[in-house]
Amino acid sequence: MKESEVIFIVEESNEGGFEAKALGHSIFTDADDLESLKANIKDAVKCHFEDNEAPSVIRLHFVREELMAV
């Protein structure tokens, strides 16, 4: 059954750059910058799904953690 979209959680990496993890699928990738990350995500999705099963939309959900002193 073809999915309409796949959602990735995108976070800044502790080592620099970005990491992306798909929800509900074993798809993980990383990159030094956002443009490279987007290209890596597209490649990872193409590798994970058969041609006729690939979702038509890739959604990126950016998560940013910030600490504040009180």
PDB file of N, CA and C in Angstrom:
ATOM      1  N   MET A   1       0.842  -1.183   0.000  1.00  0.00           N
ATOM      2  CA  MET A   1       0.000   0.000   0.000  1.00  0.00           C
ATOM      3  C   MET A   1       0.891   1.253   0.000  1.00  0.00           C
ATOM      4  N   LYS A   2       0.628   2.145  -0.886  1.00  0.00           N
ATOM      5  CA  LYS A   2       1.421   3.357  -1.018  1.00  0.00           C
ATOM      6  C   LYS A   2       1.025   4.369   0.059  1.00  0.00           C
ATOM      7  N   GLU A   3       2.038   4.908   0.726  1.00  0.00           N
ATOM      8  CA  GLU A   3       1.811   5.963   1.706  1.00  0.00           C
ATOM      9  C   GLU A   3       1.826   7.305   1.000  1.00  0.00           C
ATOM     10  N   SER A   4       1.036   8.247   1.497  1.00  0.00           N
ATOM     11  CA  SER A   4       1.011   9.563   0.857  1.00  0.00           C
ATOM     12  C   SER A   4       2.191  10.422   1.283  1.00  0.00           C
ATOM     13  N   GLU A   5       2.716  10.189   2.519  1.00  0.00           N
ATOM     14  CA  GLU A   5       3.856  10.970   2.968  1.00  0.00           C
ATOM     15  C   GLU A   5       4.673  10.200   4.002  1.00  0.00           C
ATOM     16  N   VAL A   6       5.901  10.621   4.161  1.00  0.00           N
ATOM     17  CA  VAL A   6       6.758  10.117   5.229  1.00  0.00           C
ATOM     18  C   VAL A   6       7.256  11.342   5.993  1.00  0.00           C
ATOM     19  N   ILE A   7       7.277  11.227   7.317  1.00  0.00           N
ATOM     20  CA  ILE A   7       7.646  12.357   8.170  1.00  0.00           C
ATOM     21  C   ILE A   7       9.005  12.086   8.806  1.00  0.00           C
ATOM     22  N   PHE A   8       9.884  13.081   8.742  1.00  0.00           N
ATOM     23  CA  PHE A   8      11.201  13.000   9.367  1.00  0.00           C
ATOM     24  C   PHE A   8      11.294  14.000  10.510  1.00  0.00           C
ATOM     25  N   ILE A   9      11.879  13.555  11.617  1.00  0.00           N
ATOM     26  CA  ILE A   9      12.241  14.439  12.716  1.00  0.00           C
ATOM     27  C   ILE A   9      13.666  14.885  12.453  1.00  0.00           C
ATOM     28  N   VAL A  10      13.899  16.186  12.382  1.00  0.00           N
ATOM     29  CA  VAL A  10      15.228  16.747  12.093  1.00  0.00           C
ATOM     30  C   VAL A  10      15.724  17.474  13.339  1.00  0.00           C
ATOM     31  N   GLU A  11      16.936  17.112  13.762  1.00  0.00           N
ATOM     32  CA  GLU A  11      17.546  17.743  14.928  1.00  0.00           C
ATOM     33  C   GLU A  11      18.978  18.133  14.602  1.00  0.00           C
ATOM     34  N   GLU A  12      19.477  19.134  15.313  1.00  0.00           N
ATOM     35  CA  GLU A  12      20.885  19.478  15.191  1.00  0.00           C
ATOM     36  C   GLU A  12      21.698  18.391  15.883  1.00  0.00           C
ATOM     37  N   SER A  13      22.798  17.999  15.252  1.00  0.00           N
ATOM     38  CA  SER A  13      23.666  16.961  15.799  1.00  0.00           C
ATOM     39  C   SER A  13      24.605  17.561  16.834  1.00  0.00           C
ATOM     40  N   ASN A  14      24.948  16.788  17.853  1.00  0.00           N
ATOM     41  CA  ASN A  14      25.924  17.246  18.853  1.00  0.00           C
ATOM     42  C   ASN A  14      27.289  17.492  18.225  1.00  0.00           C
ATOM     43  N   GLU A  15      27.595  16.793  17.156  1.00  0.00           N
ATOM     44  CA  GLU A  15      28.882  16.929  16.470  1.00  0.00           C
ATOM     45  C   GLU A  15      28.855  18.027  15.408  1.00  0.00           C
ATOM     46  N   GLY A  16      27.737  18.685  15.248  1.00  0.00           N
ATOM     47  CA  GLY A  16      27.569  19.679  14.195  1.00  0.00           C
ATOM     48  C   GLY A  16      26.751  19.100  13.062  1.00  0.00           C
ATOM     49  N   GLY A  17      26.106  19.919  12.299  1.00  0.00           N
ATOM     50  CA  GLY A  17      25.263  19.446  11.211  1.00  0.00           C
ATOM     51  C   GLY A  17      23.893  19.027  11.715  1.00  0.00           C
ATOM     52  N   PHE A  18      23.259  18.123  10.972  1.00  0.00           N
ATOM     53  CA  PHE A  18      21.884  17.732  11.261  1.00  0.00           C
ATOM     54  C   PHE A  18      21.704  16.227  11.128  1.00  0.00           C
ATOM     55  N   GLU A  19      20.732  15.691  11.876  1.00  0.00           N
ATOM     56  CA  GLU A  19      20.339  14.283  11.806  1.00  0.00           C
ATOM     57  C   GLU A  19      18.850  14.220  11.511  1.00  0.00           C
ATOM     58  N   ALA A  20      18.443  13.221  10.728  1.00  0.00           N
ATOM     59  CA  ALA A  20      17.026  13.042  10.402  1.00  0.00           C
ATOM     60  C   ALA A  20      16.633  11.590  10.601  1.00  0.00           C
ATOM     61  N   LYS A  21      15.478  11.379  11.235  1.00  0.00           N
ATOM     62  CA  LYS A  21      14.945  10.039  11.488  1.00  0.00           C
ATOM     63  C   LYS A  21      13.497  10.007  11.039  1.00  0.00           C
ATOM     64  N   ALA A  22      13.149   8.995  10.263  1.00  0.00           N
ATOM     65  CA  ALA A  22      11.771   8.859   9.794  1.00  0.00           C
ATOM     66  C   ALA A  22      10.894   8.256  10.880  1.00  0.00           C
ATOM     67  N   LEU A  23       9.672   8.725  10.979  1.00  0.00           N
ATOM     68  CA  LEU A  23       8.701   8.138  11.902  1.00  0.00           C
ATOM     69  C   LEU A  23       8.070   6.919  11.252  1.00  0.00           C
ATOM     70  N   GLY A  24       8.133   5.780  11.940  1.00  0.00           N
ATOM     71  CA  GLY A  24       7.497   4.567  11.443  1.00  0.00           C
ATOM     72  C   GLY A  24       8.291   3.786  10.425  1.00  0.00           C
ATOM     73  N   HIS A  25       9.496   4.225  10.112  1.00  0.00           N
ATOM     74  CA  HIS A  25      10.350   3.538   9.145  1.00  0.00           C
ATOM     75  C   HIS A  25      11.786   3.554   9.644  1.00  0.00           C
ATOM     76  N   SER A  26      12.572   2.590   9.241  1.00  0.00           N
ATOM     77  CA  SER A  26      13.988   2.534   9.619  1.00  0.00           C
ATOM     78  C   SER A  26      14.817   3.320   8.617  1.00  0.00           C
ATOM     79  N   ILE A  27      14.610   4.613   8.594  1.00  0.00           N
ATOM     80  CA  ILE A  27      15.354   5.488   7.685  1.00  0.00           C
ATOM     81  C   ILE A  27      16.035   6.556   8.538  1.00  0.00           C
ATOM     82  N   PHE A  28      17.364   6.601   8.462  1.00  0.00           N
ATOM     83  CA  PHE A  28      18.166   7.565   9.210  1.00  0.00           C
ATOM     84  C   PHE A  28      19.207   8.148   8.274  1.00  0.00           C
ATOM     85  N   THR A  29      19.488   9.433   8.417  1.00  0.00           N
ATOM     86  CA  THR A  29      20.552  10.053   7.631  1.00  0.00           C
ATOM     87  C   THR A  29      21.030  11.307   8.346  1.00  0.00           C
ATOM     88  N   ASP A  30      22.164  11.834   7.891  1.00  0.00           N
ATOM     89  CA  ASP A  30      22.698  13.062   8.469  1.00  0.00           C
ATOM     90  C   ASP A  30      23.463  13.831   7.404  1.00  0.00           C
ATOM     91  N   ALA A  31      23.821  15.073   7.734  1.00  0.00           N
ATOM     92  CA  ALA A  31      24.577  15.912   6.800  1.00  0.00           C
ATOM     93  C   ALA A  31      25.095  17.131   7.551  1.00  0.00           C
ATOM     94  N   ASP A  32      26.047  17.822   6.932  1.00  0.00           N
ATOM     95  CA  ASP A  32      26.645  19.011   7.534  1.00  0.00           C
ATOM     96  C   ASP A  32      25.774  20.252   7.408  1.00  0.00           C
ATOM     97  N   ASP A  33      24.909  20.301   6.389  1.00  0.00           N
ATOM     98  CA  ASP A  33      24.053  21.471   6.183  1.00  0.00           C
ATOM     99  C   ASP A  33      22.675  21.018   5.715  1.00  0.00           C
ATOM    100  N   LEU A  34      21.712  21.932   5.747  1.00  0.00           N
ATOM    101  CA  LEU A  34      20.321  21.576   5.435  1.00  0.00           C
ATOM    102  C   LEU A  34      20.117  21.140   3.987  1.00  0.00           C
ATOM    103  N   GLU A  35      20.784  21.797   3.050  1.00  0.00           N
ATOM    104  CA  GLU A  35      20.613  21.418   1.643  1.00  0.00           C
ATOM    105  C   GLU A  35      21.104  19.989   1.407  1.00  0.00           C
ATOM    106  N   SER A  36      22.244  19.650   1.991  1.00  0.00           N
ATOM    107  CA  SER A  36      22.775  18.285   1.867  1.00  0.00           C
ATOM    108  C   SER A  36      21.872  17.286   2.571  1.00  0.00           C
ATOM    109  N   LEU A  37      21.317  17.688   3.714  1.00  0.00           N
ATOM    110  CA  LEU A  37      20.412  16.802   4.443  1.00  0.00           C
ATOM    111  C   LEU A  37      19.175  16.493   3.604  1.00  0.00           C
ATOM    112  N   LYS A  38      18.611  17.502   2.976  1.00  0.00           N
ATOM    113  CA  LYS A  38      17.426  17.287   2.128  1.00  0.00           C
ATOM    114  C   LYS A  38      17.738  16.321   0.987  1.00  0.00           C
ATOM    115  N   ALA A  39      18.896  16.471   0.369  1.00  0.00           N
ATOM    116  CA  ALA A  39      19.293  15.556  -0.715  1.00  0.00           C
ATOM    117  C   ALA A  39      19.485  14.144  -0.166  1.00  0.00           C
ATOM    118  N   ASN A  40      20.104  14.023   1.012  1.00  0.00           N
ATOM    119  CA  ASN A  40      20.314  12.701   1.618  1.00  0.00           C
ATOM    120  C   ASN A  40      18.990  12.042   1.989  1.00  0.00           C
ATOM    121  N   ILE A  41      18.032  12.832   2.473  1.00  0.00           N
ATOM    122  CA  ILE A  41      16.717  12.289   2.820  1.00  0.00           C
ATOM    123  C   ILE A  41      16.024  11.751   1.569  1.00  0.00           C
ATOM    124  N   LYS A  42      16.052  12.510   0.485  1.00  0.00           N
ATOM    125  CA  LYS A  42      15.434  12.045  -0.760  1.00  0.00           C
ATOM    126  C   LYS A  42      16.067  10.739  -1.220  1.00  0.00           C
ATOM    127  N   ASP A  43      17.403  10.656  -1.181  1.00  0.00           N
ATOM    128  CA  ASP A  43      18.104   9.428  -1.575  1.00  0.00           C
ATOM    129  C   ASP A  43      17.730   8.264  -0.666  1.00  0.00           C
ATOM    130  N   ALA A  44      17.666   8.518   0.644  1.00  0.00           N
ATOM    131  CA  ALA A  44      17.333   7.458   1.599  1.00  0.00           C
ATOM    132  C   ALA A  44      15.919   6.934   1.373  1.00  0.00           C
ATOM    133  N   VAL A  45      14.983   7.832   1.081  1.00  0.00           N
ATOM    134  CA  VAL A  45      13.601   7.413   0.827  1.00  0.00           C
ATOM    135  C   VAL A  45      13.538   6.575  -0.449  1.00  0.00           C
ATOM    136  N   LYS A  46      14.253   6.995  -1.497  1.00  0.00           N
ATOM    137  CA  LYS A  46      14.280   6.229  -2.749  1.00  0.00           C
ATOM    138  C   LYS A  46      14.835   4.833  -2.529  1.00  0.00           C
ATOM    139  N   CYS A  47      15.857   4.710  -1.664  1.00  0.00           N
ATOM    140  CA  CYS A  47      16.459   3.403  -1.387  1.00  0.00           C
ATOM    141  C   CYS A  47      15.546   2.526  -0.533  1.00  0.00           C
ATOM    142  N   HIS A  48      14.765   3.132   0.341  1.00  0.00           N
ATOM    143  CA  HIS A  48      13.940   2.378   1.286  1.00  0.00           C
ATOM    144  C   HIS A  48      12.675   1.805   0.650  1.00  0.00           C
ATOM    145  N   PHE A  49      12.067   2.544  -0.262  1.00  0.00           N
ATOM    146  CA  PHE A  49      10.803   2.136  -0.866  1.00  0.00           C
ATOM    147  C   PHE A  49      11.010   1.659  -2.295  1.00  0.00           C
ATOM    148  N   GLU A  50      10.158   0.739  -2.724  1.00  0.00           N
ATOM    149  CA  GLU A  50      10.095   0.366  -4.136  1.00  0.00           C
ATOM    150  C   GLU A  50       9.552   1.573  -4.900  1.00  0.00           C
ATOM    151  N   ASP A  51       9.835   1.645  -6.194  1.00  0.00           N
ATOM    152  CA  ASP A  51       9.410   2.805  -6.992  1.00  0.00           C
ATOM    153  C   ASP A  51       7.925   3.100  -6.878  1.00  0.00           C
ATOM    154  N   ASN A  52       7.100   2.093  -6.953  1.00  0.00           N
ATOM    155  CA  ASN A  52       5.651   2.311  -6.915  1.00  0.00           C
ATOM    156  C   ASN A  52       5.099   2.462  -5.492  1.00  0.00           C
ATOM    157  N   GLU A  53       5.956   2.293  -4.467  1.00  0.00           N
ATOM    158  CA  GLU A  53       5.531   2.405  -3.074  1.00  0.00           C
ATOM    159  C   GLU A  53       6.005   3.698  -2.404  1.00  0.00           C
ATOM    160  N   ALA A  54       6.871   4.450  -3.054  1.00  0.00           N
ATOM    161  CA  ALA A  54       7.447   5.654  -2.455  1.00  0.00           C
ATOM    162  C   ALA A  54       6.367   6.703  -2.220  1.00  0.00           C
ATOM    163  N   PRO A  55       6.411   7.368  -1.067  1.00  0.00           N
ATOM    164  CA  PRO A  55       5.424   8.427  -0.804  1.00  0.00           C
ATOM    165  C   PRO A  55       5.639   9.615  -1.728  1.00  0.00           C
ATOM    166  N   SER A  56       4.576  10.356  -1.966  1.00  0.00           N
ATOM    167  CA  SER A  56       4.674  11.513  -2.854  1.00  0.00           C
ATOM    168  C   SER A  56       5.130  12.773  -2.121  1.00  0.00           C
ATOM    169  N   VAL A  57       5.095  12.748  -0.769  1.00  0.00           N
ATOM    170  CA  VAL A  57       5.488  13.907   0.028  1.00  0.00           C
ATOM    171  C   VAL A  57       6.440  13.466   1.137  1.00  0.00           C
ATOM    172  N   ILE A  58       7.486  14.263   1.330  1.00  0.00           N
ATOM    173  CA  ILE A  58       8.386  14.090   2.470  1.00  0.00           C
ATOM    174  C   ILE A  58       8.224  15.327   3.338  1.00  0.00           C
ATOM    175  N   ARG A  59       7.811  15.115   4.592  1.00  0.00           N
ATOM    176  CA  ARG A  59       7.592  16.222   5.515  1.00  0.00           C
ATOM    177  C   ARG A  59       8.739  16.237   6.540  1.00  0.00           C
ATOM    178  N   LEU A  60       9.316  17.422   6.762  1.00  0.00           N
ATOM    179  CA  LEU A  60      10.392  17.581   7.739  1.00  0.00           C
ATOM    180  C   LEU A  60       9.855  18.333   8.950  1.00  0.00           C
ATOM    181  N   HIS A  61      10.023  17.738  10.115  1.00  0.00           N
ATOM    182  CA  HIS A  61       9.605  18.369  11.372  1.00  0.00           C
ATOM    183  C   HIS A  61      10.874  18.713  12.144  1.00  0.00           C
ATOM    184  N   PHE A  62      11.178  19.997  12.269  1.00  0.00           N
ATOM    185  CA  PHE A  62      12.399  20.452  12.921  1.00  0.00           C
ATOM    186  C   PHE A  62      12.171  20.568  14.427  1.00  0.00           C
ATOM    187  N   VAL A  63      13.057  19.935  15.189  1.00  0.00           N
ATOM    188  CA  VAL A  63      13.016  19.981  16.640  1.00  0.00           C
ATOM    189  C   VAL A  63      14.272  20.679  17.119  1.00  0.00           C
ATOM    190  N   ARG A  64      14.084  21.684  17.955  1.00  0.00           N
ATOM    191  CA  ARG A  64      15.235  22.432  18.460  1.00  0.00           C
ATOM    192  C   ARG A  64      15.150  22.483  19.970  1.00  0.00           C
ATOM    193  N   GLU A  65      16.223  22.055  20.592  1.00  0.00           N
ATOM    194  CA  GLU A  65      16.289  22.099  22.045  1.00  0.00           C
ATOM    195  C   GLU A  65      17.117  23.300  22.468  1.00  0.00           C
ATOM    196  N   GLU A  66      16.611  24.017  23.455  1.00  0.00           N
ATOM    197  CA  GLU A  66      17.309  25.204  23.925  1.00  0.00           C
ATOM    198  C   GLU A  66      17.280  25.216  25.443  1.00  0.00           C
ATOM    199  N   LEU A  67      18.413  25.446  26.071  1.00  0.00           N
ATOM    200  CA  LEU A  67      18.493  25.514  27.528  1.00  0.00           C
ATOM    201  C   LEU A  67      18.598  26.968  27.952  1.00  0.00           C
ATOM    202  N   MET A  68      17.908  27.283  29.051  1.00  0.00           N
ATOM    203  CA  MET A  68      17.962  28.642  29.567  1.00  0.00           C
ATOM    204  C   MET A  68      18.339  28.569  31.042  1.00  0.00           C
ATOM    205  N   ALA A  69      19.221  29.452  31.467  1.00  0.00           N
ATOM    206  CA  ALA A  69      19.568  29.527  32.884  1.00  0.00           C
ATOM    207  C   ALA A  69      18.492  30.292  33.625  1.00  0.00           C
ATOM    208  N   VAL A  70      18.238  29.898  34.872  1.00  0.00           N
ATOM    209  CA  VAL A  70      17.222  30.591  35.682  1.00  0.00           C
ATOM    210  C   VAL A  70      17.868  31.416  36.762  1.00  0.00           C
TER     211      VAL A  70
END
